[in-house]
Amino acid sequence: MPTFVYMTRCDGCGQCVDICPSDIMHIDTTIRRAYNIEPNMCWECYSCVKACPHNAIDVRGYADFAPLGHSVRVRRDEEKGVIAWRIIFRNGEKDMNLLAPITTKPWGQHTPKLKDVPAPSKEMRDSQLLFNEPKYIRLDDGGLHTLESNGLKMQEGVCY
């Protein structure tokens, strides 16, 4: 679901430009408004949507997610600790609120100490596994892992 900018709400602050990992959010120099230069290249991370202080950036939903003529609004609510997706259908009758917990850590709080980790051996570098890959997502050592087999429990309000 690529993003688009409501030009009437945007004030050209540039927060979406700074946070976009694919570098497709730009500021138009003539009208000082943000715009998505290549919607097809959008990574759909919605960082720009969550970062915009004026709620000027919205999402174009896919037909299997929300039918034609809908409205999708994504908001990050720090106080409640959730990211809220609000979908309003074109008839205005059905209104869905989907909540997901914010799982990101505060900036700079959890920087990995890679200098303390031993360098990977040649065998590790030549393998197909990712460096420091968590054991519970690997299938090469005992088959499929479940929450129970890793000592984890289902938590209410968390999507797995």
N, C-alpha and C. Protein backbone atom coordinates (compact mmCIF):
# COMPACT_ATOMS: atom_id res chain seq x y z
N MET A 1 0.83 -1.17 0.00
CA MET A 1 0.00 0.00 0.00
C MET A 1 0.88 1.23 0.00
N PRO A 2 1.15 1.79 -1.15
CA PRO A 2 2.01 2.98 -1.21
C PRO A 2 1.37 4.19 -0.53
N THR A 3 2.18 5.14 -0.20
CA THR A 3 1.71 6.34 0.49
C THR A 3 1.46 7.47 -0.49
N PHE A 4 0.65 8.42 -0.05
CA PHE A 4 0.45 9.65 -0.82
C PHE A 4 0.26 10.80 0.16
N VAL A 5 0.48 12.02 -0.31
CA VAL A 5 0.47 13.20 0.56
C VAL A 5 -0.73 14.08 0.22
N TYR A 6 -1.45 14.49 1.27
CA TYR A 6 -2.49 15.51 1.12
C TYR A 6 -1.77 16.86 1.12
N MET A 7 -1.73 17.52 -0.02
CA MET A 7 -0.98 18.77 -0.14
C MET A 7 -1.55 19.88 0.74
N THR A 8 -2.85 19.84 1.03
CA THR A 8 -3.46 20.89 1.86
C THR A 8 -3.05 20.77 3.33
N ARG A 9 -2.68 19.57 3.77
CA ARG A 9 -2.28 19.38 5.16
C ARG A 9 -0.77 19.53 5.36
N CYS A 10 0.00 19.28 4.32
CA CYS A 10 1.46 19.28 4.43
C CYS A 10 2.00 20.70 4.54
N ASP A 11 2.96 20.90 5.47
CA ASP A 11 3.58 22.21 5.59
C ASP A 11 5.05 22.19 5.16
N GLY A 12 5.51 21.04 4.62
CA GLY A 12 6.87 20.95 4.11
C GLY A 12 7.93 20.86 5.18
N CYS A 13 7.60 20.30 6.34
CA CYS A 13 8.58 20.23 7.45
C CYS A 13 9.74 19.28 7.13
N GLY A 14 9.51 18.28 6.28
CA GLY A 14 10.57 17.39 5.84
C GLY A 14 10.83 16.18 6.72
N GLN A 15 10.01 15.95 7.73
CA GLN A 15 10.23 14.78 8.59
C GLN A 15 10.08 13.48 7.81
N CYS A 16 9.16 13.44 6.85
CA CYS A 16 8.97 12.24 6.03
C CYS A 16 10.19 12.01 5.13
N VAL A 17 10.78 13.08 4.65
CA VAL A 17 11.97 12.98 3.80
C VAL A 17 13.14 12.41 4.60
N ASP A 18 13.29 12.87 5.83
CA ASP A 18 14.40 12.42 6.67
C ASP A 18 14.29 10.96 7.05
N ILE A 19 13.07 10.46 7.24
CA ILE A 19 12.91 9.11 7.77
C ILE A 19 12.72 8.04 6.70
N CYS A 20 12.41 8.41 5.47
CA CYS A 20 12.12 7.43 4.41
C CYS A 20 13.36 6.60 4.05
N PRO A 21 13.32 5.27 4.27
CA PRO A 21 14.50 4.44 3.99
C PRO A 21 14.76 4.24 2.50
N SER A 22 13.71 4.37 1.67
CA SER A 22 13.92 4.17 0.23
C SER A 22 14.16 5.48 -0.51
N ASP A 23 14.18 6.60 0.22
CA ASP A 23 14.51 7.91 -0.33
C ASP A 23 13.58 8.31 -1.47
N ILE A 24 12.29 8.05 -1.31
CA ILE A 24 11.34 8.43 -2.36
C ILE A 24 10.44 9.60 -1.94
N MET A 25 10.55 10.04 -0.70
CA MET A 25 9.78 11.21 -0.26
C MET A 25 10.67 12.43 -0.50
N HIS A 26 10.14 13.40 -1.23
CA HIS A 26 10.89 14.61 -1.56
C HIS A 26 10.03 15.83 -1.30
N ILE A 27 10.67 16.98 -1.20
CA ILE A 27 9.97 18.26 -1.04
C ILE A 27 10.01 18.98 -2.37
N ASP A 28 8.84 19.36 -2.85
CA ASP A 28 8.74 20.14 -4.09
C ASP A 28 9.27 21.55 -3.79
N THR A 29 10.28 21.97 -4.53
CA THR A 29 10.93 23.26 -4.25
C THR A 29 10.03 24.45 -4.58
N THR A 30 9.09 24.28 -5.49
CA THR A 30 8.23 25.42 -5.85
C THR A 30 7.12 25.66 -4.84
N ILE A 31 6.45 24.60 -4.42
CA ILE A 31 5.31 24.78 -3.51
C ILE A 31 5.62 24.39 -2.06
N ARG A 32 6.85 23.93 -1.78
CA ARG A 32 7.28 23.53 -0.43
C ARG A 32 6.34 22.51 0.20
N ARG A 33 6.03 21.46 -0.55
CA ARG A 33 5.19 20.37 -0.05
C ARG A 33 5.86 19.05 -0.36
N ALA A 34 5.64 18.06 0.50
CA ALA A 34 6.23 16.74 0.29
C ALA A 34 5.42 15.97 -0.75
N TYR A 35 6.09 15.06 -1.44
CA TYR A 35 5.41 14.16 -2.36
C TYR A 35 6.23 12.90 -2.53
N ASN A 36 5.56 11.84 -2.93
CA ASN A 36 6.17 10.54 -3.14
C ASN A 36 6.57 10.48 -4.62
N ILE A 37 7.88 10.48 -4.92
CA ILE A 37 8.31 10.57 -6.32
C ILE A 37 8.12 9.27 -7.08
N GLU A 38 8.07 8.14 -6.38
CA GLU A 38 7.92 6.84 -7.06
C GLU A 38 7.12 5.89 -6.17
N PRO A 39 5.77 5.97 -6.20
CA PRO A 39 4.95 5.13 -5.33
C PRO A 39 5.20 3.63 -5.49
N ASN A 40 5.57 3.20 -6.68
CA ASN A 40 5.81 1.77 -6.90
C ASN A 40 7.05 1.27 -6.16
N MET A 41 7.95 2.18 -5.80
CA MET A 41 9.17 1.79 -5.10
C MET A 41 9.03 1.90 -3.58
N CYS A 42 7.84 2.21 -3.10
CA CYS A 42 7.59 2.35 -1.67
C CYS A 42 7.80 1.01 -0.97
N TRP A 43 8.56 1.01 0.11
CA TRP A 43 8.83 -0.22 0.87
C TRP A 43 7.66 -0.59 1.77
N GLU A 44 6.71 0.30 1.90
CA GLU A 44 5.52 0.09 2.72
C GLU A 44 5.88 -0.10 4.20
N CYS A 45 6.86 0.64 4.66
CA CYS A 45 7.22 0.60 6.08
C CYS A 45 6.37 1.59 6.87
N TYR A 46 5.81 2.58 6.19
CA TYR A 46 4.93 3.61 6.76
C TYR A 46 5.62 4.47 7.81
N SER A 47 6.94 4.55 7.73
CA SER A 47 7.66 5.43 8.64
C SER A 47 7.25 6.88 8.42
N CYS A 48 7.06 7.26 7.17
CA CYS A 48 6.68 8.63 6.86
C CYS A 48 5.29 8.95 7.40
N VAL A 49 4.38 7.98 7.31
CA VAL A 49 3.01 8.17 7.79
C VAL A 49 3.02 8.40 9.30
N LYS A 50 3.82 7.58 10.01
CA LYS A 50 3.86 7.68 11.46
C LYS A 50 4.64 8.91 11.92
N ALA A 51 5.58 9.40 11.10
CA ALA A 51 6.41 10.53 11.50
C ALA A 51 5.76 11.88 11.21
N CYS A 52 4.81 11.92 10.32
CA CYS A 52 4.21 13.20 9.91
C CYS A 52 3.41 13.82 11.06
N PRO A 53 3.80 15.02 11.53
CA PRO A 53 3.10 15.64 12.65
C PRO A 53 1.73 16.20 12.27
N HIS A 54 1.45 16.33 10.98
CA HIS A 54 0.19 16.94 10.54
C HIS A 54 -0.78 15.92 9.94
N ASN A 55 -0.44 14.63 10.02
CA ASN A 55 -1.27 13.57 9.43
C ASN A 55 -1.58 13.86 7.96
N ALA A 56 -0.58 14.34 7.25
CA ALA A 56 -0.75 14.70 5.84
C ALA A 56 -0.49 13.54 4.90
N ILE A 57 0.04 12.42 5.42
CA ILE A 57 0.38 11.29 4.55
C ILE A 57 -0.58 10.15 4.86
N ASP A 58 -1.17 9.60 3.80
CA ASP A 58 -2.11 8.50 3.93
C ASP A 58 -1.64 7.32 3.12
N VAL A 59 -2.39 6.25 3.22
CA VAL A 59 -2.03 4.99 2.58
C VAL A 59 -3.09 4.63 1.55
N ARG A 60 -2.65 4.17 0.39
CA ARG A 60 -3.59 3.62 -0.59
C ARG A 60 -3.68 2.13 -0.33
N GLY A 61 -4.81 1.68 0.13
CA GLY A 61 -4.97 0.28 0.48
C GLY A 61 -5.16 -0.61 -0.72
N TYR A 62 -4.74 -1.86 -0.59
CA TYR A 62 -4.97 -2.86 -1.64
C TYR A 62 -6.40 -3.37 -1.55
N ALA A 63 -6.93 -3.87 -2.64
CA ALA A 63 -8.33 -4.30 -2.70
C ALA A 63 -8.62 -5.45 -1.74
N ASP A 64 -7.64 -6.33 -1.49
CA ASP A 64 -7.91 -7.44 -0.56
C ASP A 64 -7.88 -6.98 0.89
N PHE A 65 -7.33 -5.82 1.15
CA PHE A 65 -7.23 -5.29 2.51
C PHE A 65 -8.41 -4.36 2.80
N ALA A 66 -8.71 -3.50 1.86
CA ALA A 66 -9.82 -2.56 2.01
C ALA A 66 -10.38 -2.30 0.62
N PRO A 67 -11.69 -2.31 0.46
CA PRO A 67 -12.29 -2.18 -0.87
C PRO A 67 -12.11 -0.78 -1.46
N LEU A 68 -12.35 -0.69 -2.76
CA LEU A 68 -12.22 0.56 -3.50
C LEU A 68 -13.05 1.67 -2.87
N GLY A 69 -12.49 2.85 -2.79
CA GLY A 69 -13.21 3.99 -2.25
C GLY A 69 -13.08 4.12 -0.75
N HIS A 70 -12.17 3.44 -0.15
CA HIS A 70 -12.00 3.44 1.29
C HIS A 70 -11.02 4.53 1.72
N SER A 71 -10.84 4.64 3.00
CA SER A 71 -9.84 5.53 3.56
C SER A 71 -9.06 4.75 4.60
N VAL A 72 -7.73 4.80 4.55
CA VAL A 72 -6.89 4.12 5.53
C VAL A 72 -6.03 5.18 6.22
N ARG A 73 -6.09 5.21 7.53
CA ARG A 73 -5.31 6.17 8.30
C ARG A 73 -4.46 5.40 9.31
N VAL A 74 -3.18 5.69 9.34
CA VAL A 74 -2.28 5.04 10.28
C VAL A 74 -1.79 6.11 11.25
N ARG A 75 -1.92 5.82 12.55
CA ARG A 75 -1.46 6.76 13.56
C ARG A 75 -0.64 6.04 14.61
N ARG A 76 0.42 6.67 15.04
CA ARG A 76 1.26 6.13 16.12
C ARG A 76 0.88 6.85 17.41
N ASP A 77 0.37 6.10 18.37
CA ASP A 77 -0.06 6.67 19.64
C ASP A 77 0.94 6.25 20.72
N GLU A 78 1.86 7.15 21.04
CA GLU A 78 2.92 6.85 22.01
C GLU A 78 2.35 6.61 23.41
N GLU A 79 1.31 7.35 23.79
CA GLU A 79 0.76 7.22 25.14
C GLU A 79 0.17 5.84 25.38
N LYS A 80 -0.55 5.32 24.38
CA LYS A 80 -1.15 3.99 24.51
C LYS A 80 -0.19 2.88 24.10
N GLY A 81 0.90 3.24 23.42
CA GLY A 81 1.88 2.25 22.99
C GLY A 81 1.42 1.40 21.83
N VAL A 82 0.59 1.98 20.93
CA VAL A 82 0.06 1.22 19.81
C VAL A 82 0.19 2.00 18.51
N ILE A 83 0.15 1.26 17.42
CA ILE A 83 -0.02 1.83 16.09
C ILE A 83 -1.43 1.47 15.66
N ALA A 84 -2.23 2.48 15.38
CA ALA A 84 -3.64 2.27 15.08
C ALA A 84 -3.90 2.44 13.58
N TRP A 85 -4.55 1.45 13.00
CA TRP A 85 -4.99 1.50 11.60
C TRP A 85 -6.50 1.70 11.62
N ARG A 86 -6.95 2.76 10.99
CA ARG A 86 -8.39 3.01 10.92
C ARG A 86 -8.82 2.92 9.46
N ILE A 87 -9.78 2.05 9.20
CA ILE A 87 -10.28 1.86 7.84
C ILE A 87 -11.74 2.27 7.80
N ILE A 88 -12.06 3.21 6.92
CA ILE A 88 -13.45 3.63 6.73
C ILE A 88 -13.82 3.26 5.30
N PHE A 89 -14.88 2.48 5.16
CA PHE A 89 -15.32 2.04 3.85
C PHE A 89 -16.07 3.14 3.14
N ARG A 90 -16.19 3.02 1.81
CA ARG A 90 -16.73 4.11 1.01
C ARG A 90 -18.18 4.44 1.34
N ASN A 91 -18.95 3.47 1.87
CA ASN A 91 -20.33 3.78 2.24
C ASN A 91 -20.40 4.49 3.59
N GLY A 92 -19.28 4.58 4.27
CA GLY A 92 -19.21 5.29 5.53
C GLY A 92 -19.81 4.54 6.70
N GLU A 93 -20.37 3.37 6.44
CA GLU A 93 -21.05 2.62 7.50
C GLU A 93 -20.10 1.76 8.31
N LYS A 94 -19.15 1.12 7.64
CA LYS A 94 -18.27 0.21 8.36
C LYS A 94 -16.97 0.94 8.68
N ASP A 95 -16.60 0.88 9.91
CA ASP A 95 -15.41 1.57 10.38
C ASP A 95 -14.63 0.55 11.21
N MET A 96 -13.39 0.26 10.80
CA MET A 96 -12.58 -0.72 11.51
C MET A 96 -11.39 -0.04 12.16
N ASN A 97 -11.10 -0.41 13.38
CA ASN A 97 -9.91 0.06 14.07
C ASN A 97 -9.06 -1.16 14.39
N LEU A 98 -7.87 -1.21 13.84
CA LEU A 98 -6.95 -2.31 14.10
C LEU A 98 -5.78 -1.75 14.90
N LEU A 99 -5.44 -2.41 15.99
CA LEU A 99 -4.35 -1.95 16.84
C LEU A 99 -3.22 -2.95 16.85
N ALA A 100 -2.00 -2.45 16.82
CA ALA A 100 -0.80 -3.29 16.93
C ALA A 100 0.14 -2.62 17.92
N PRO A 101 0.77 -3.40 18.79
CA PRO A 101 1.67 -2.78 19.77
C PRO A 101 2.92 -2.22 19.10
N ILE A 102 3.44 -1.13 19.65
CA ILE A 102 4.70 -0.58 19.16
C ILE A 102 5.81 -1.46 19.71
N THR A 103 6.58 -2.06 18.83
CA THR A 103 7.63 -2.98 19.27
C THR A 103 9.03 -2.42 19.08
N THR A 104 9.12 -1.21 18.56
CA THR A 104 10.44 -0.61 18.37
C THR A 104 10.97 -0.07 19.69
N LYS A 105 12.26 -0.02 19.81
CA LYS A 105 12.91 0.46 21.02
C LYS A 105 13.24 1.94 20.86
N PRO A 106 13.37 2.67 21.96
CA PRO A 106 13.76 4.09 21.85
C PRO A 106 15.11 4.23 21.15
N TRP A 107 15.26 5.29 20.37
CA TRP A 107 16.45 5.50 19.56
C TRP A 107 17.70 5.50 20.43
N GLY A 108 18.67 4.66 20.05
CA GLY A 108 19.95 4.62 20.73
C GLY A 108 19.98 3.82 22.02
N GLN A 109 18.86 3.26 22.43
CA GLN A 109 18.80 2.53 23.70
C GLN A 109 19.37 1.12 23.61
N HIS A 110 19.20 0.48 22.48
CA HIS A 110 19.57 -0.92 22.36
C HIS A 110 20.52 -1.12 21.17
N THR A 111 21.68 -0.51 21.25
CA THR A 111 22.68 -0.65 20.21
C THR A 111 23.47 -1.94 20.47
N PRO A 112 23.56 -2.85 19.49
CA PRO A 112 24.28 -4.09 19.73
C PRO A 112 25.78 -3.84 19.97
N LYS A 113 26.35 -4.59 20.86
CA LYS A 113 27.78 -4.47 21.17
C LYS A 113 28.55 -5.48 20.31
N LEU A 114 28.67 -5.19 19.04
CA LEU A 114 29.28 -6.13 18.11
C LEU A 114 30.78 -6.29 18.34
N LYS A 115 31.41 -5.34 18.98
CA LYS A 115 32.85 -5.48 19.25
C LYS A 115 33.12 -6.58 20.27
N ASP A 116 32.12 -6.91 21.08
CA ASP A 116 32.27 -7.96 22.08
C ASP A 116 31.98 -9.35 21.52
N VAL A 117 31.40 -9.42 20.33
CA VAL A 117 31.03 -10.70 19.72
C VAL A 117 32.21 -11.19 18.87
N PRO A 118 32.57 -12.46 19.00
CA PRO A 118 33.68 -12.95 18.18
C PRO A 118 33.34 -12.90 16.69
N ALA A 119 34.35 -12.68 15.88
CA ALA A 119 34.15 -12.62 14.43
C ALA A 119 33.68 -13.98 13.91
N PRO A 120 32.83 -13.99 12.88
CA PRO A 120 32.37 -15.27 12.34
C PRO A 120 33.51 -16.05 11.69
N SER A 121 33.46 -17.37 11.84
CA SER A 121 34.49 -18.22 11.22
C SER A 121 34.24 -18.32 9.72
N LYS A 122 35.17 -18.91 8.99
CA LYS A 122 35.01 -19.08 7.55
C LYS A 122 33.79 -19.94 7.26
N GLU A 123 33.58 -20.97 8.06
CA GLU A 123 32.42 -21.85 7.87
C GLU A 123 31.11 -21.07 8.04
N MET A 124 31.07 -20.19 9.02
CA MET A 124 29.87 -19.37 9.24
C MET A 124 29.66 -18.39 8.09
N ARG A 125 30.74 -17.80 7.59
CA ARG A 125 30.62 -16.85 6.47
C ARG A 125 30.16 -17.52 5.20
N ASP A 126 30.53 -18.79 5.00
CA ASP A 126 30.15 -19.50 3.79
C ASP A 126 28.77 -20.15 3.87
N SER A 127 28.16 -20.16 5.07
CA SER A 127 26.86 -20.82 5.21
C SER A 127 25.74 -19.90 4.72
N GLN A 128 24.54 -20.46 4.61
CA GLN A 128 23.37 -19.70 4.15
C GLN A 128 22.70 -18.96 5.30
N LEU A 129 23.11 -19.22 6.53
CA LEU A 129 22.47 -18.59 7.69
C LEU A 129 22.93 -17.14 7.85
N LEU A 130 22.06 -16.34 8.43
CA LEU A 130 22.41 -14.96 8.72
C LEU A 130 23.27 -14.91 9.97
N PHE A 131 24.15 -13.92 10.04
CA PHE A 131 24.98 -13.77 11.23
C PHE A 131 24.08 -13.47 12.43
N ASN A 132 24.32 -14.17 13.52
CA ASN A 132 23.59 -13.96 14.77
C ASN A 132 22.09 -14.21 14.62
N GLU A 133 21.73 -15.12 13.72
CA GLU A 133 20.32 -15.43 13.50
C GLU A 133 19.74 -16.11 14.74
N PRO A 134 18.59 -15.64 15.24
CA PRO A 134 18.02 -16.26 16.44
C PRO A 134 17.72 -17.74 16.21
N LYS A 135 17.99 -18.54 17.22
CA LYS A 135 17.83 -19.99 17.08
C LYS A 135 16.38 -20.38 16.84
N TYR A 136 15.41 -19.58 17.31
CA TYR A 136 14.02 -19.99 17.16
C TYR A 136 13.43 -19.73 15.78
N ILE A 137 14.18 -19.13 14.85
CA ILE A 137 13.67 -19.02 13.49
C ILE A 137 14.41 -19.96 12.54
N ARG A 138 15.37 -20.69 13.07
CA ARG A 138 16.13 -21.61 12.22
C ARG A 138 15.44 -22.96 12.13
N LEU A 139 15.46 -23.56 10.95
CA LEU A 139 14.84 -24.86 10.75
C LEU A 139 15.85 -25.98 10.63
N ASP A 140 17.15 -25.66 10.70
CA ASP A 140 18.17 -26.68 10.48
C ASP A 140 18.55 -27.44 11.75
N ASP A 141 18.03 -27.04 12.89
CA ASP A 141 18.40 -27.74 14.12
C ASP A 141 17.17 -28.20 14.91
N GLY A 142 16.43 -29.12 14.34
CA GLY A 142 15.32 -29.68 15.08
C GLY A 142 13.95 -29.40 14.50
N GLY A 143 13.88 -28.90 13.33
CA GLY A 143 12.58 -28.70 12.68
C GLY A 143 11.90 -27.40 13.10
N LEU A 144 10.59 -27.42 12.98
CA LEU A 144 9.78 -26.23 13.22
C LEU A 144 9.74 -25.90 14.71
N HIS A 145 9.97 -24.63 15.02
CA HIS A 145 9.94 -24.18 16.41
C HIS A 145 8.60 -23.51 16.68
N THR A 146 8.09 -23.67 17.89
CA THR A 146 6.84 -23.04 18.29
C THR A 146 7.12 -22.12 19.47
N LEU A 147 6.11 -21.36 19.87
CA LEU A 147 6.28 -20.49 21.04
C LEU A 147 6.61 -21.31 22.27
N GLU A 148 5.90 -22.43 22.45
CA GLU A 148 6.11 -23.27 23.63
C GLU A 148 7.52 -23.86 23.64
N SER A 149 8.01 -24.32 22.49
CA SER A 149 9.33 -24.94 22.46
C SER A 149 10.45 -23.95 22.77
N ASN A 150 10.16 -22.66 22.65
CA ASN A 150 11.15 -21.63 22.97
C ASN A 150 10.88 -20.95 24.30
N GLY A 151 9.94 -21.51 25.07
CA GLY A 151 9.66 -20.96 26.39
C GLY A 151 8.91 -19.65 26.36
N LEU A 152 8.16 -19.39 25.28
CA LEU A 152 7.40 -18.15 25.16
C LEU A 152 5.91 -18.44 25.32
N LYS A 153 5.14 -17.42 25.71
CA LYS A 153 3.70 -17.57 25.86
C LYS A 153 3.00 -16.55 24.99
N MET A 154 1.78 -16.90 24.55
CA MET A 154 0.96 -15.96 23.80
C MET A 154 0.60 -14.80 24.72
N GLN A 155 0.67 -13.58 24.21
CA GLN A 155 0.29 -12.42 24.99
C GLN A 155 -0.87 -11.74 24.31
N GLU A 156 -1.81 -11.28 25.10
CA GLU A 156 -2.97 -10.60 24.56
C GLU A 156 -2.54 -9.27 23.96
N GLY A 157 -3.04 -8.97 22.77
CA GLY A 157 -2.73 -7.71 22.11
C GLY A 157 -1.48 -7.74 21.27
N VAL A 158 -0.80 -8.89 21.17
CA VAL A 158 0.42 -8.99 20.37
C VAL A 158 0.13 -9.90 19.17
N CYS A 159 0.46 -9.42 17.99
CA CYS A 159 0.27 -10.21 16.77
C CYS A 159 1.53 -11.02 16.51
N TYR A 160 1.38 -12.31 16.26
CA TYR A 160 2.53 -13.17 15.99
C TYR A 160 2.58 -13.55 14.54
